[in-house]
Amino acid sequence: MTSHSPSPTSPPAAAPSPVPTEPGYPSQAPASAGVSQPARTGRFARLPLLAGRSFIPLGLFARLPLAMLTVGTLTMVTSVSGSYAAGGTAAGAVGIGSALGAPVLGALADRRGQRPVLLIASVINTVAVLALILAAIAAGASGGLFGAVIAAALVSGASSPQVGPLARVRWMALASQGPASQQATDLDTALSYESTADEVTFVLGPALVGILASLLAPWLPLALAAAMTATLVPAFAAHPTHRAVRPAARKAATGQPAPRAGRLPAAVALPVAAMVCMGTFFGSTQAALSSFAAPIAGPEIAGLLYAAVGLSSAAAALSVAYWPRTFTLPRRWLVSAGLMALLSLLLLLPDSLAAMVVVLLILGIPVGPVMVTVFTAGGILAPAGRLGTVMTALASGIVAGTALGSAAGGYLAEAGGHHLAFLVPIAASVLLALLGAAAAVVLGKRGTGSRG
């Protein structure tokens, strides 16, 4: 990965607009005062200097509703209808809607700016989730109107505010404003944090759904998600960091050439395909764990087992900020994905819950670094003015891959048990490593293979 000075291949789309000093948001002076500043400030302690103290907790909790939406829909619809098939279909509609809608929201954010897109999406999503709750309750009471549930689930997924991907876009723009010698380190630190935030929310979200639905009411998790979307997403949208990313429409209005909205470069397909593989790994592992846990303690415990992957993955993602700069981006991808493929073979060995937890904790170690690396590669390969599109496309790849992996893993688990189902995450990990080899060639040709 190169230091992110303005160039056609650097993540931030052209020169970002200056971010003014406002209450709760520091000026850029501390982050750009000189090379000596990082010596006095820890790497993760620099993040509030770049974005302001409120940005980190706001970005963390504003993405939680998305983490609750799919599982919350599955739980609520299954509960009110008494049908696992109905719940799975509704949850699938959420995933399809999110996979289709996220790149559209990203492209609009690139063109019109993040703030208006996030504000409009938060309103539409809040209404759609409330409509989903009402439609599910009505369908459960009448035994019909299931089409309305599917439609509301589809719109809920498509309108989900893409806080995580757009937060990465802001970090990339903010990191580019610091001293050239510090840009690469700041970006690695920010993206390491972002991957950890994703892991935390996608472990916390389903857990919160399970607690609220089992103790209080099955519709309550989605109601809480709607309330959080209505309050936290607008706050994230209006945070001063949005000014660091200048939309294409504003550039055109000021006489600067706006980037053409043509097709994305073919090279962008590599990180997107990698995220599809990553999602396939996630979905198939969850399905296989359900089959593994069923005769031991019931399939419901699969979510708790899978949380072990999230814990070690989150911790390992944070470590990427401290990896040496001589460990180049292609090498990171190849080594981490190769280790992930090798360790995934351990999934075939356990015969007890304790042994499986140990294996999952070990397996999660390379997962976080792979995600950080692929998001970084996506930012490097994104053309000027299309960073939001690429980041949301990567997030959509995870969603689509998770649905694919869940279906493939579930089918193989039913056909031949969990050992057969675990072949899917193994294959997905191997393909991730192969994509890393291809990415090494592409990044090398672009002169972006080095982290220095």
Protein backbone atom coordinates (compact mmCIF):
# COMPACT_ATOMS: atom_id res chain seq x y z
CA MET A 1 0.00 0.00 0.00
CA THR A 2 1.36 3.37 -0.87
CA SER A 3 1.22 6.47 1.23
CA HIS A 4 -1.97 8.14 0.21
CA SER A 5 -0.78 11.31 -1.40
CA PRO A 6 -3.13 12.61 -4.09
CA SER A 7 -2.90 10.36 -7.12
CA PRO A 8 -5.31 8.68 -9.50
CA THR A 9 -5.19 5.51 -7.42
CA SER A 10 -5.33 6.92 -3.91
CA PRO A 11 -8.52 6.19 -1.95
CA PRO A 12 -9.76 9.73 -1.27
CA ALA A 13 -11.53 11.16 -4.28
CA ALA A 14 -9.38 14.13 -5.26
CA ALA A 15 -8.41 16.77 -2.72
CA PRO A 16 -10.83 16.70 0.22
CA SER A 17 -12.44 19.90 1.34
CA PRO A 18 -11.07 21.37 4.56
CA VAL A 19 -12.91 20.43 7.71
CA PRO A 20 -13.45 23.42 10.00
CA THR A 21 -12.88 23.41 13.70
CA GLU A 22 -16.22 22.94 15.49
CA PRO A 23 -17.28 22.02 19.03
CA GLY A 24 -16.46 18.37 19.62
CA TYR A 25 -14.37 18.20 16.44
CA PRO A 26 -10.68 19.15 16.56
CA SER A 27 -8.79 20.99 13.89
CA GLN A 28 -6.37 19.09 11.72
CA ALA A 29 -3.41 20.83 13.33
CA PRO A 30 -2.69 18.11 15.91
CA ALA A 31 -2.73 15.40 13.25
CA SER A 32 -0.53 17.28 10.83
CA ALA A 33 1.81 19.20 13.09
CA GLY A 34 4.75 17.12 11.96
CA VAL A 35 6.36 13.73 12.08
CA SER A 36 7.16 14.09 15.77
CA GLN A 37 3.47 14.02 16.75
CA PRO A 38 2.99 10.24 16.29
CA ALA A 39 5.83 9.62 18.74
CA ARG A 40 3.86 11.40 21.45
CA THR A 41 0.53 9.86 20.54
CA GLY A 42 -0.39 6.19 20.27
CA ARG A 43 -1.66 4.98 16.93
CA PHE A 44 -5.25 4.44 18.02
CA ALA A 45 -5.12 7.59 20.16
CA ARG A 46 -4.54 9.51 16.94
CA LEU A 47 -7.96 8.56 15.56
CA PRO A 48 -9.88 11.08 17.73
CA LEU A 49 -7.38 13.71 16.60
CA LEU A 50 -8.30 12.99 13.00
CA ALA A 51 -12.08 12.68 13.34
CA GLY A 52 -13.14 14.06 16.73
CA ARG A 53 -14.01 12.18 19.89
CA SER A 54 -17.71 11.76 19.08
CA PHE A 55 -17.14 10.15 15.67
CA ILE A 56 -15.88 6.78 16.94
CA PRO A 57 -18.79 5.88 19.29
CA LEU A 58 -21.28 7.42 16.86
CA GLY A 59 -19.99 5.38 13.93
CA LEU A 60 -19.97 2.24 16.07
CA PHE A 61 -23.55 2.38 17.36
CA ALA A 62 -25.06 3.86 14.19
CA ARG A 63 -24.20 0.65 12.32
CA LEU A 64 -25.77 -1.59 14.96
CA PRO A 65 -29.32 -1.49 13.44
CA LEU A 66 -28.02 -3.09 10.24
CA ALA A 67 -26.45 -5.88 12.30
CA MET A 68 -29.81 -6.47 14.02
CA LEU A 69 -32.01 -6.33 10.92
CA THR A 70 -31.54 -9.76 9.33
CA VAL A 71 -31.58 -11.79 12.54
CA GLY A 72 -34.36 -9.63 13.96
CA THR A 73 -36.50 -10.24 10.89
CA LEU A 74 -35.83 -13.98 11.03
CA THR A 75 -36.73 -14.13 14.72
CA MET A 76 -39.87 -11.99 14.51
CA VAL A 77 -41.38 -13.55 11.38
CA THR A 78 -40.66 -17.07 12.58
CA SER A 79 -42.25 -16.28 15.94
CA VAL A 80 -45.45 -14.71 14.63
CA SER A 81 -45.94 -17.17 11.76
CA GLY A 82 -44.68 -20.36 13.39
CA SER A 83 -42.81 -21.15 10.18
CA TYR A 84 -39.05 -21.39 9.82
CA ALA A 85 -39.47 -21.21 6.05
CA ALA A 86 -41.36 -17.92 6.33
CA GLY A 87 -38.76 -16.46 8.66
CA GLY A 88 -35.90 -17.57 6.43
CA THR A 89 -37.58 -16.18 3.34
CA ALA A 90 -38.14 -12.79 4.98
CA ALA A 91 -34.55 -12.68 6.25
CA GLY A 92 -33.36 -13.60 2.76
CA ALA A 93 -35.36 -10.70 1.34
CA VAL A 94 -33.53 -8.36 3.73
CA GLY A 95 -30.18 -9.70 2.52
CA ILE A 96 -31.12 -9.39 -1.15
CA GLY A 97 -32.38 -5.86 -0.63
CA SER A 98 -29.19 -4.86 1.17
CA ALA A 99 -26.95 -6.39 -1.49
CA LEU A 100 -28.82 -4.50 -4.22
CA GLY A 101 -29.35 -1.23 -2.41
CA ALA A 102 -25.96 -0.66 -0.80
CA PRO A 103 -24.02 0.12 -4.02
CA VAL A 104 -26.81 2.45 -5.12
CA LEU A 105 -26.59 4.38 -1.86
CA GLY A 106 -22.79 4.45 -2.19
CA ALA A 107 -22.98 5.83 -5.73
CA LEU A 108 -25.47 8.50 -4.64
CA ALA A 109 -23.19 9.44 -1.74
CA ASP A 110 -20.28 9.82 -4.16
CA ARG A 111 -22.36 12.06 -6.38
CA ARG A 112 -24.44 14.08 -3.93
CA GLY A 113 -22.58 13.77 -0.65
CA GLN A 114 -22.98 11.48 2.32
CA ARG A 115 -25.17 13.70 4.49
CA PRO A 116 -28.29 14.00 2.28
CA VAL A 117 -28.13 10.34 1.24
CA LEU A 118 -27.83 9.10 4.83
CA LEU A 119 -30.61 11.41 6.04
CA ILE A 120 -33.04 10.24 3.36
CA ALA A 121 -32.05 6.59 3.84
CA SER A 122 -32.61 6.84 7.61
CA VAL A 123 -36.16 8.13 7.10
CA ILE A 124 -37.05 5.49 4.48
CA ASN A 125 -35.49 2.70 6.51
CA THR A 126 -37.24 3.69 9.73
CA VAL A 127 -40.62 3.69 7.98
CA ALA A 128 -39.85 0.40 6.19
CA VAL A 129 -38.83 -1.40 9.40
CA LEU A 130 -41.95 -0.20 11.21
CA ALA A 131 -44.02 -1.37 8.22
CA LEU A 132 -42.27 -4.74 8.43
CA ILE A 133 -43.25 -5.09 12.09
CA LEU A 134 -46.89 -4.21 11.39
CA ALA A 135 -47.05 -6.46 8.31
CA ALA A 136 -45.60 -9.41 10.23
CA ILE A 137 -48.02 -8.96 13.13
CA ALA A 138 -50.96 -8.68 10.70
CA ALA A 139 -49.81 -11.73 8.75
CA GLY A 140 -49.45 -13.72 11.96
CA ALA A 141 -52.94 -12.76 13.08
CA SER A 142 -54.65 -13.44 9.76
CA GLY A 143 -52.49 -16.20 8.37
CA GLY A 144 -52.04 -14.27 5.12
CA LEU A 145 -50.57 -11.06 3.70
CA PHE A 146 -47.13 -12.66 3.61
CA GLY A 147 -46.35 -10.78 0.39
CA ALA A 148 -46.47 -7.52 2.34
CA VAL A 149 -43.91 -8.91 4.78
CA ILE A 150 -41.53 -9.80 1.94
CA ALA A 151 -41.97 -6.39 0.31
CA ALA A 152 -41.31 -4.55 3.56
CA ALA A 153 -38.27 -6.77 4.27
CA LEU A 154 -36.87 -6.07 0.81
CA VAL A 155 -37.25 -2.30 1.20
CA SER A 156 -35.81 -2.46 4.72
CA GLY A 157 -32.67 -4.13 3.43
CA ALA A 158 -32.32 -1.88 0.38
CA SER A 159 -32.66 1.33 2.41
CA SER A 160 -30.33 0.32 5.24
CA PRO A 161 -27.93 3.26 5.83
CA GLN A 162 -24.41 2.10 4.96
CA VAL A 163 -22.67 3.61 7.97
CA GLY A 164 -19.68 1.24 8.02
CA PRO A 165 -18.58 1.63 4.38
CA LEU A 166 -19.15 5.39 4.38
CA ALA A 167 -17.22 5.74 7.64
CA ARG A 168 -14.28 4.07 5.88
CA VAL A 169 -14.55 6.64 3.10
CA ARG A 170 -14.31 9.43 5.69
CA TRP A 171 -11.29 7.84 7.36
CA MET A 172 -9.52 7.57 4.01
CA ALA A 173 -10.12 11.24 3.30
CA LEU A 174 -9.07 12.30 6.80
CA ALA A 175 -5.91 10.19 6.75
CA SER A 176 -4.86 11.84 3.47
CA GLN A 177 -4.80 15.24 5.19
CA GLY A 178 -1.97 14.33 7.56
CA PRO A 179 1.79 14.38 6.87
CA ALA A 180 2.81 12.13 3.98
CA SER A 181 4.99 10.01 6.26
CA GLN A 182 2.02 9.27 8.53
CA GLN A 183 -0.79 8.71 6.01
CA ALA A 184 -0.26 4.97 5.51
CA THR A 185 -0.03 4.31 9.26
CA ASP A 186 -3.12 6.39 10.00
CA LEU A 187 -5.08 4.61 7.29
CA ASP A 188 -4.05 1.15 8.51
CA THR A 189 -5.01 2.13 12.05
CA ALA A 190 -8.40 3.51 10.99
CA LEU A 191 -9.26 0.50 8.82
CA SER A 192 -8.11 -1.88 11.56
CA TYR A 193 -10.49 -0.15 13.93
CA GLU A 194 -13.31 -0.26 11.37
CA SER A 195 -12.99 -4.01 10.86
CA THR A 196 -13.03 -4.49 14.61
CA ALA A 197 -16.13 -2.28 14.87
CA ASP A 198 -17.85 -4.42 12.23
CA GLU A 199 -16.97 -7.61 14.08
CA VAL A 200 -18.19 -6.21 17.40
CA THR A 201 -21.51 -5.01 16.03
CA PHE A 202 -22.18 -8.23 14.12
CA VAL A 203 -21.62 -10.19 17.32
CA LEU A 204 -23.47 -7.73 19.57
CA GLY A 205 -26.41 -7.21 17.19
CA PRO A 206 -27.65 -10.84 17.03
CA ALA A 207 -26.99 -11.26 20.76
CA LEU A 208 -29.13 -8.20 21.51
CA VAL A 209 -31.88 -9.55 19.26
CA GLY A 210 -31.87 -12.87 21.08
CA ILE A 211 -32.04 -11.28 24.54
CA LEU A 212 -34.82 -8.82 23.74
CA ALA A 213 -36.89 -11.26 21.68
CA SER A 214 -36.72 -14.06 24.24
CA LEU A 215 -37.24 -11.95 27.37
CA LEU A 216 -39.69 -9.29 26.12
CA ALA A 217 -41.25 -9.45 22.65
CA PRO A 218 -40.15 -10.75 19.20
CA TRP A 219 -40.90 -7.40 17.54
CA LEU A 220 -38.94 -5.31 20.07
CA PRO A 221 -35.46 -5.76 18.51
CA LEU A 222 -36.66 -4.35 15.19
CA ALA A 223 -38.46 -1.50 16.96
CA LEU A 224 -35.22 -0.66 18.76
CA ALA A 225 -33.31 -0.86 15.47
CA ALA A 226 -35.77 1.60 13.90
CA ALA A 227 -35.39 4.00 16.83
CA MET A 228 -31.59 3.84 16.60
CA THR A 229 -31.72 4.44 12.84
CA ALA A 230 -33.98 7.47 13.33
CA THR A 231 -31.64 9.05 15.88
CA LEU A 232 -28.05 7.85 15.45
CA VAL A 233 -27.82 7.76 11.65
CA PRO A 234 -28.84 11.44 11.23
CA ALA A 235 -26.26 12.33 13.88
CA PHE A 236 -23.62 10.40 11.96
CA ALA A 237 -24.74 12.02 8.71
CA ALA A 238 -24.40 15.53 10.16
CA HIS A 239 -21.06 14.93 11.88
CA PRO A 240 -18.46 17.44 10.57
CA THR A 241 -16.34 14.62 9.13
CA HIS A 242 -18.73 14.40 6.17
CA ARG A 243 -17.13 17.62 4.89
CA ALA A 244 -13.82 15.83 4.40
CA VAL A 245 -15.33 13.96 1.43
CA ARG A 246 -16.21 16.33 -1.39
CA PRO A 247 -19.03 14.97 -3.60
CA ALA A 248 -18.74 15.02 -7.36
CA ALA A 249 -21.66 17.42 -7.76
CA ARG A 250 -19.90 20.02 -5.59
CA LYS A 251 -16.69 19.67 -7.57
CA ALA A 252 -18.57 20.31 -10.80
CA ALA A 253 -20.24 23.38 -9.27
CA THR A 254 -16.84 24.82 -8.32
CA GLY A 255 -15.40 24.28 -11.76
CA GLN A 256 -13.40 21.16 -10.91
CA PRO A 257 -13.79 18.22 -13.30
CA ALA A 258 -16.29 15.73 -11.91
CA PRO A 259 -15.38 12.06 -12.29
CA ARG A 260 -17.27 10.24 -14.97
CA ALA A 261 -19.92 7.83 -13.70
CA GLY A 262 -18.91 5.06 -16.06
CA ARG A 263 -18.17 1.46 -15.22
CA LEU A 264 -15.81 0.66 -12.42
CA PRO A 265 -12.39 -0.72 -13.44
CA ALA A 266 -12.25 -4.47 -13.83
CA ALA A 267 -9.61 -4.63 -11.10
CA VAL A 268 -12.22 -3.61 -8.51
CA ALA A 269 -13.84 -7.01 -9.09
CA LEU A 270 -10.96 -8.64 -7.19
CA PRO A 271 -11.71 -7.18 -3.73
CA VAL A 272 -15.45 -7.48 -4.35
CA ALA A 273 -15.04 -11.17 -5.21
CA ALA A 274 -12.88 -11.56 -2.12
CA MET A 275 -15.66 -10.14 0.05
CA VAL A 276 -18.13 -12.56 -1.56
CA CYS A 277 -15.75 -15.35 -0.53
CA MET A 278 -15.50 -13.89 2.95
CA GLY A 279 -19.29 -13.77 3.24
CA THR A 280 -19.49 -17.35 1.95
CA PHE A 281 -17.05 -18.35 4.67
CA PHE A 282 -19.21 -16.66 7.30
CA GLY A 283 -22.55 -18.03 6.12
CA SER A 284 -21.41 -21.60 5.52
CA THR A 285 -19.56 -21.74 8.85
CA GLN A 286 -22.70 -20.65 10.68
CA ALA A 287 -24.81 -23.26 8.85
CA ALA A 288 -22.27 -26.01 9.51
CA LEU A 289 -22.04 -25.04 13.19
CA SER A 290 -25.81 -25.38 13.49
CA SER A 291 -25.53 -28.96 12.22
CA PHE A 292 -22.54 -29.63 14.50
CA ALA A 293 -24.26 -28.29 17.62
CA ALA A 294 -27.71 -29.84 17.00
CA PRO A 295 -27.05 -33.31 18.51
CA ILE A 296 -24.92 -31.89 21.34
CA ALA A 297 -26.77 -28.86 22.71
CA GLY A 298 -29.25 -27.84 20.02
CA PRO A 299 -28.76 -25.67 16.90
CA GLU A 300 -29.55 -22.49 18.85
CA ILE A 301 -26.07 -22.50 20.39
CA ALA A 302 -24.42 -22.10 16.97
CA GLY A 303 -24.55 -18.31 17.30
CA LEU A 304 -22.62 -18.39 20.54
CA LEU A 305 -20.04 -20.74 19.03
CA TYR A 306 -19.60 -18.47 16.04
CA ALA A 307 -19.03 -15.48 18.32
CA ALA A 308 -15.61 -17.01 19.08
CA VAL A 309 -14.54 -16.25 15.49
CA GLY A 310 -15.69 -12.65 15.90
CA LEU A 311 -13.74 -12.16 19.13
CA SER A 312 -10.36 -13.31 17.85
CA SER A 313 -10.96 -11.70 14.46
CA ALA A 314 -11.67 -8.32 16.08
CA ALA A 315 -8.52 -8.50 18.19
CA ALA A 316 -6.38 -9.53 15.22
CA ALA A 317 -7.81 -6.71 13.08
CA LEU A 318 -6.58 -4.18 15.64
CA SER A 319 -3.09 -5.65 15.41
CA VAL A 320 -2.78 -4.76 11.72
CA ALA A 321 -2.07 -1.14 12.69
CA TYR A 322 1.23 -2.32 14.22
CA TRP A 323 2.40 -4.58 11.39
CA PRO A 324 5.66 -3.43 9.76
CA ARG A 325 5.33 -1.29 6.65
CA THR A 326 7.69 -3.66 4.83
CA PHE A 327 4.93 -6.28 5.05
CA THR A 328 3.30 -5.18 1.80
CA LEU A 329 -0.39 -5.26 0.99
CA PRO A 330 -0.19 -8.25 -1.43
CA ARG A 331 1.87 -10.22 1.08
CA ARG A 332 -0.64 -9.44 3.82
CA TRP A 333 -3.45 -10.74 1.63
CA LEU A 334 -1.60 -13.91 0.58
CA VAL A 335 -0.24 -14.80 4.00
CA SER A 336 -3.45 -14.07 5.93
CA ALA A 337 -5.75 -15.82 3.44
CA GLY A 338 -3.33 -18.75 3.12
CA LEU A 339 -3.25 -19.13 6.90
CA MET A 340 -7.04 -18.88 6.96
CA ALA A 341 -7.30 -21.71 4.40
CA LEU A 342 -4.86 -23.86 6.37
CA LEU A 343 -6.54 -23.29 9.72
CA SER A 344 -10.02 -23.90 8.30
CA LEU A 345 -9.04 -27.57 7.93
CA LEU A 346 -9.18 -27.75 11.73
CA LEU A 347 -12.97 -27.41 11.51
CA LEU A 348 -13.13 -31.08 10.51
CA LEU A 349 -11.54 -32.28 13.79
CA PRO A 350 -13.62 -31.27 16.88
CA ASP A 351 -16.17 -33.61 18.42
CA SER A 352 -17.08 -31.46 21.43
CA LEU A 353 -18.21 -27.90 22.03
CA ALA A 354 -15.06 -26.98 23.94
CA ALA A 355 -12.80 -28.25 21.16
CA MET A 356 -14.83 -26.36 18.56
CA VAL A 357 -14.55 -23.12 20.53
CA VAL A 358 -10.76 -23.48 20.60
CA VAL A 359 -10.65 -24.13 16.84
CA LEU A 360 -12.90 -21.14 16.11
CA LEU A 361 -10.78 -18.84 18.28
CA ILE A 362 -7.67 -19.92 16.35
CA LEU A 363 -9.43 -19.68 12.99
CA GLY A 364 -10.56 -16.12 13.66
CA ILE A 365 -6.97 -14.83 13.94
CA PRO A 366 -6.36 -14.39 10.17
CA VAL A 367 -9.95 -13.36 9.38
CA GLY A 368 -9.70 -9.79 10.70
CA PRO A 369 -6.43 -9.01 8.87
CA VAL A 370 -7.88 -10.33 5.61
CA MET A 371 -10.86 -8.00 5.93
CA VAL A 372 -8.66 -4.99 6.71
CA THR A 373 -6.42 -5.81 3.75
CA VAL A 374 -9.24 -6.29 1.25
CA PHE A 375 -10.93 -3.03 2.24
CA THR A 376 -7.58 -1.26 1.87
CA ALA A 377 -7.05 -2.82 -1.56
CA GLY A 378 -10.55 -1.76 -2.58
CA GLY A 379 -9.75 1.81 -1.58
CA ILE A 380 -6.54 1.78 -3.61
CA LEU A 381 -8.20 0.34 -6.71
CA ALA A 382 -11.25 2.64 -6.52
CA PRO A 383 -11.25 5.37 -9.20
CA ALA A 384 -11.47 9.02 -8.20
CA GLY A 385 -14.94 9.97 -7.04
CA ARG A 386 -16.19 6.38 -6.72
CA LEU A 387 -14.86 5.38 -3.31
CA GLY A 388 -18.30 5.24 -1.68
CA THR A 389 -19.53 3.01 -4.49
CA VAL A 390 -16.63 0.61 -4.05
CA MET A 391 -16.84 0.48 -0.24
CA THR A 392 -20.57 -0.26 -0.31
CA ALA A 393 -20.01 -2.84 -3.07
CA LEU A 394 -17.53 -4.60 -0.78
CA ALA A 395 -20.10 -4.61 2.02
CA SER A 396 -22.70 -5.96 -0.42
CA GLY A 397 -20.29 -8.71 -1.37
CA ILE A 398 -20.22 -9.89 2.24
CA VAL A 399 -24.03 -9.88 2.40
CA ALA A 400 -24.43 -11.76 -0.87
CA GLY A 401 -21.71 -14.23 0.07
CA THR A 402 -23.28 -14.87 3.46
CA ALA A 403 -26.58 -15.77 1.80
CA LEU A 404 -24.77 -18.01 -0.69
CA GLY A 405 -22.73 -19.68 2.03
CA SER A 406 -25.74 -20.22 4.27
CA ALA A 407 -27.63 -21.91 1.43
CA ALA A 408 -24.69 -24.08 0.34
CA GLY A 409 -23.69 -24.98 3.89
CA GLY A 410 -27.26 -25.77 4.89
CA TYR A 411 -27.79 -28.00 1.86
CA LEU A 412 -24.58 -29.95 2.41
CA ALA A 413 -25.24 -30.22 6.16
CA GLU A 414 -28.62 -31.77 5.46
CA ALA A 415 -27.15 -34.07 2.80
CA GLY A 416 -24.07 -35.27 4.64
CA GLY A 417 -23.69 -33.65 8.05
CA HIS A 418 -21.43 -30.92 9.36
CA HIS A 419 -18.20 -32.44 8.02
CA LEU A 420 -19.47 -32.07 4.46
CA ALA A 421 -20.77 -28.55 5.18
CA PHE A 422 -17.38 -27.43 6.52
CA LEU A 423 -15.90 -28.04 3.06
CA VAL A 424 -17.57 -24.80 1.93
CA PRO A 425 -15.62 -22.44 4.24
CA ILE A 426 -12.44 -24.36 3.39
CA ALA A 427 -13.05 -23.82 -0.33
CA ALA A 428 -13.93 -20.15 0.23
CA SER A 429 -10.65 -19.61 2.12
CA VAL A 430 -8.61 -21.24 -0.65
CA LEU A 431 -10.30 -19.03 -3.25
CA LEU A 432 -9.51 -15.99 -1.09
CA ALA A 433 -5.82 -16.86 -1.25
CA LEU A 434 -5.98 -17.31 -5.04
CA LEU A 435 -7.65 -13.92 -5.39
CA GLY A 436 -4.84 -12.50 -3.27
CA ALA A 437 -2.31 -13.80 -5.81
CA ALA A 438 -4.23 -12.09 -8.61
CA ALA A 439 -4.46 -8.89 -6.57
CA ALA A 440 -0.69 -8.95 -6.06
CA VAL A 441 -0.21 -8.82 -9.84
CA VAL A 442 -2.72 -5.99 -10.28
CA LEU A 443 -1.36 -3.91 -7.40
CA GLY A 444 2.18 -4.50 -8.59
CA LYS A 445 1.35 -3.19 -12.07
CA ARG A 446 -0.19 -0.08 -10.52
CA GLY A 447 2.87 0.47 -8.35
CA THR A 448 0.78 0.16 -5.18
CA GLY A 449 2.15 -3.07 -3.85
CA SER A 450 4.22 -1.40 -1.16
CA ARG A 451 2.95 -0.03 2.12
CA GLY A 452 5.69 2.60 2.21
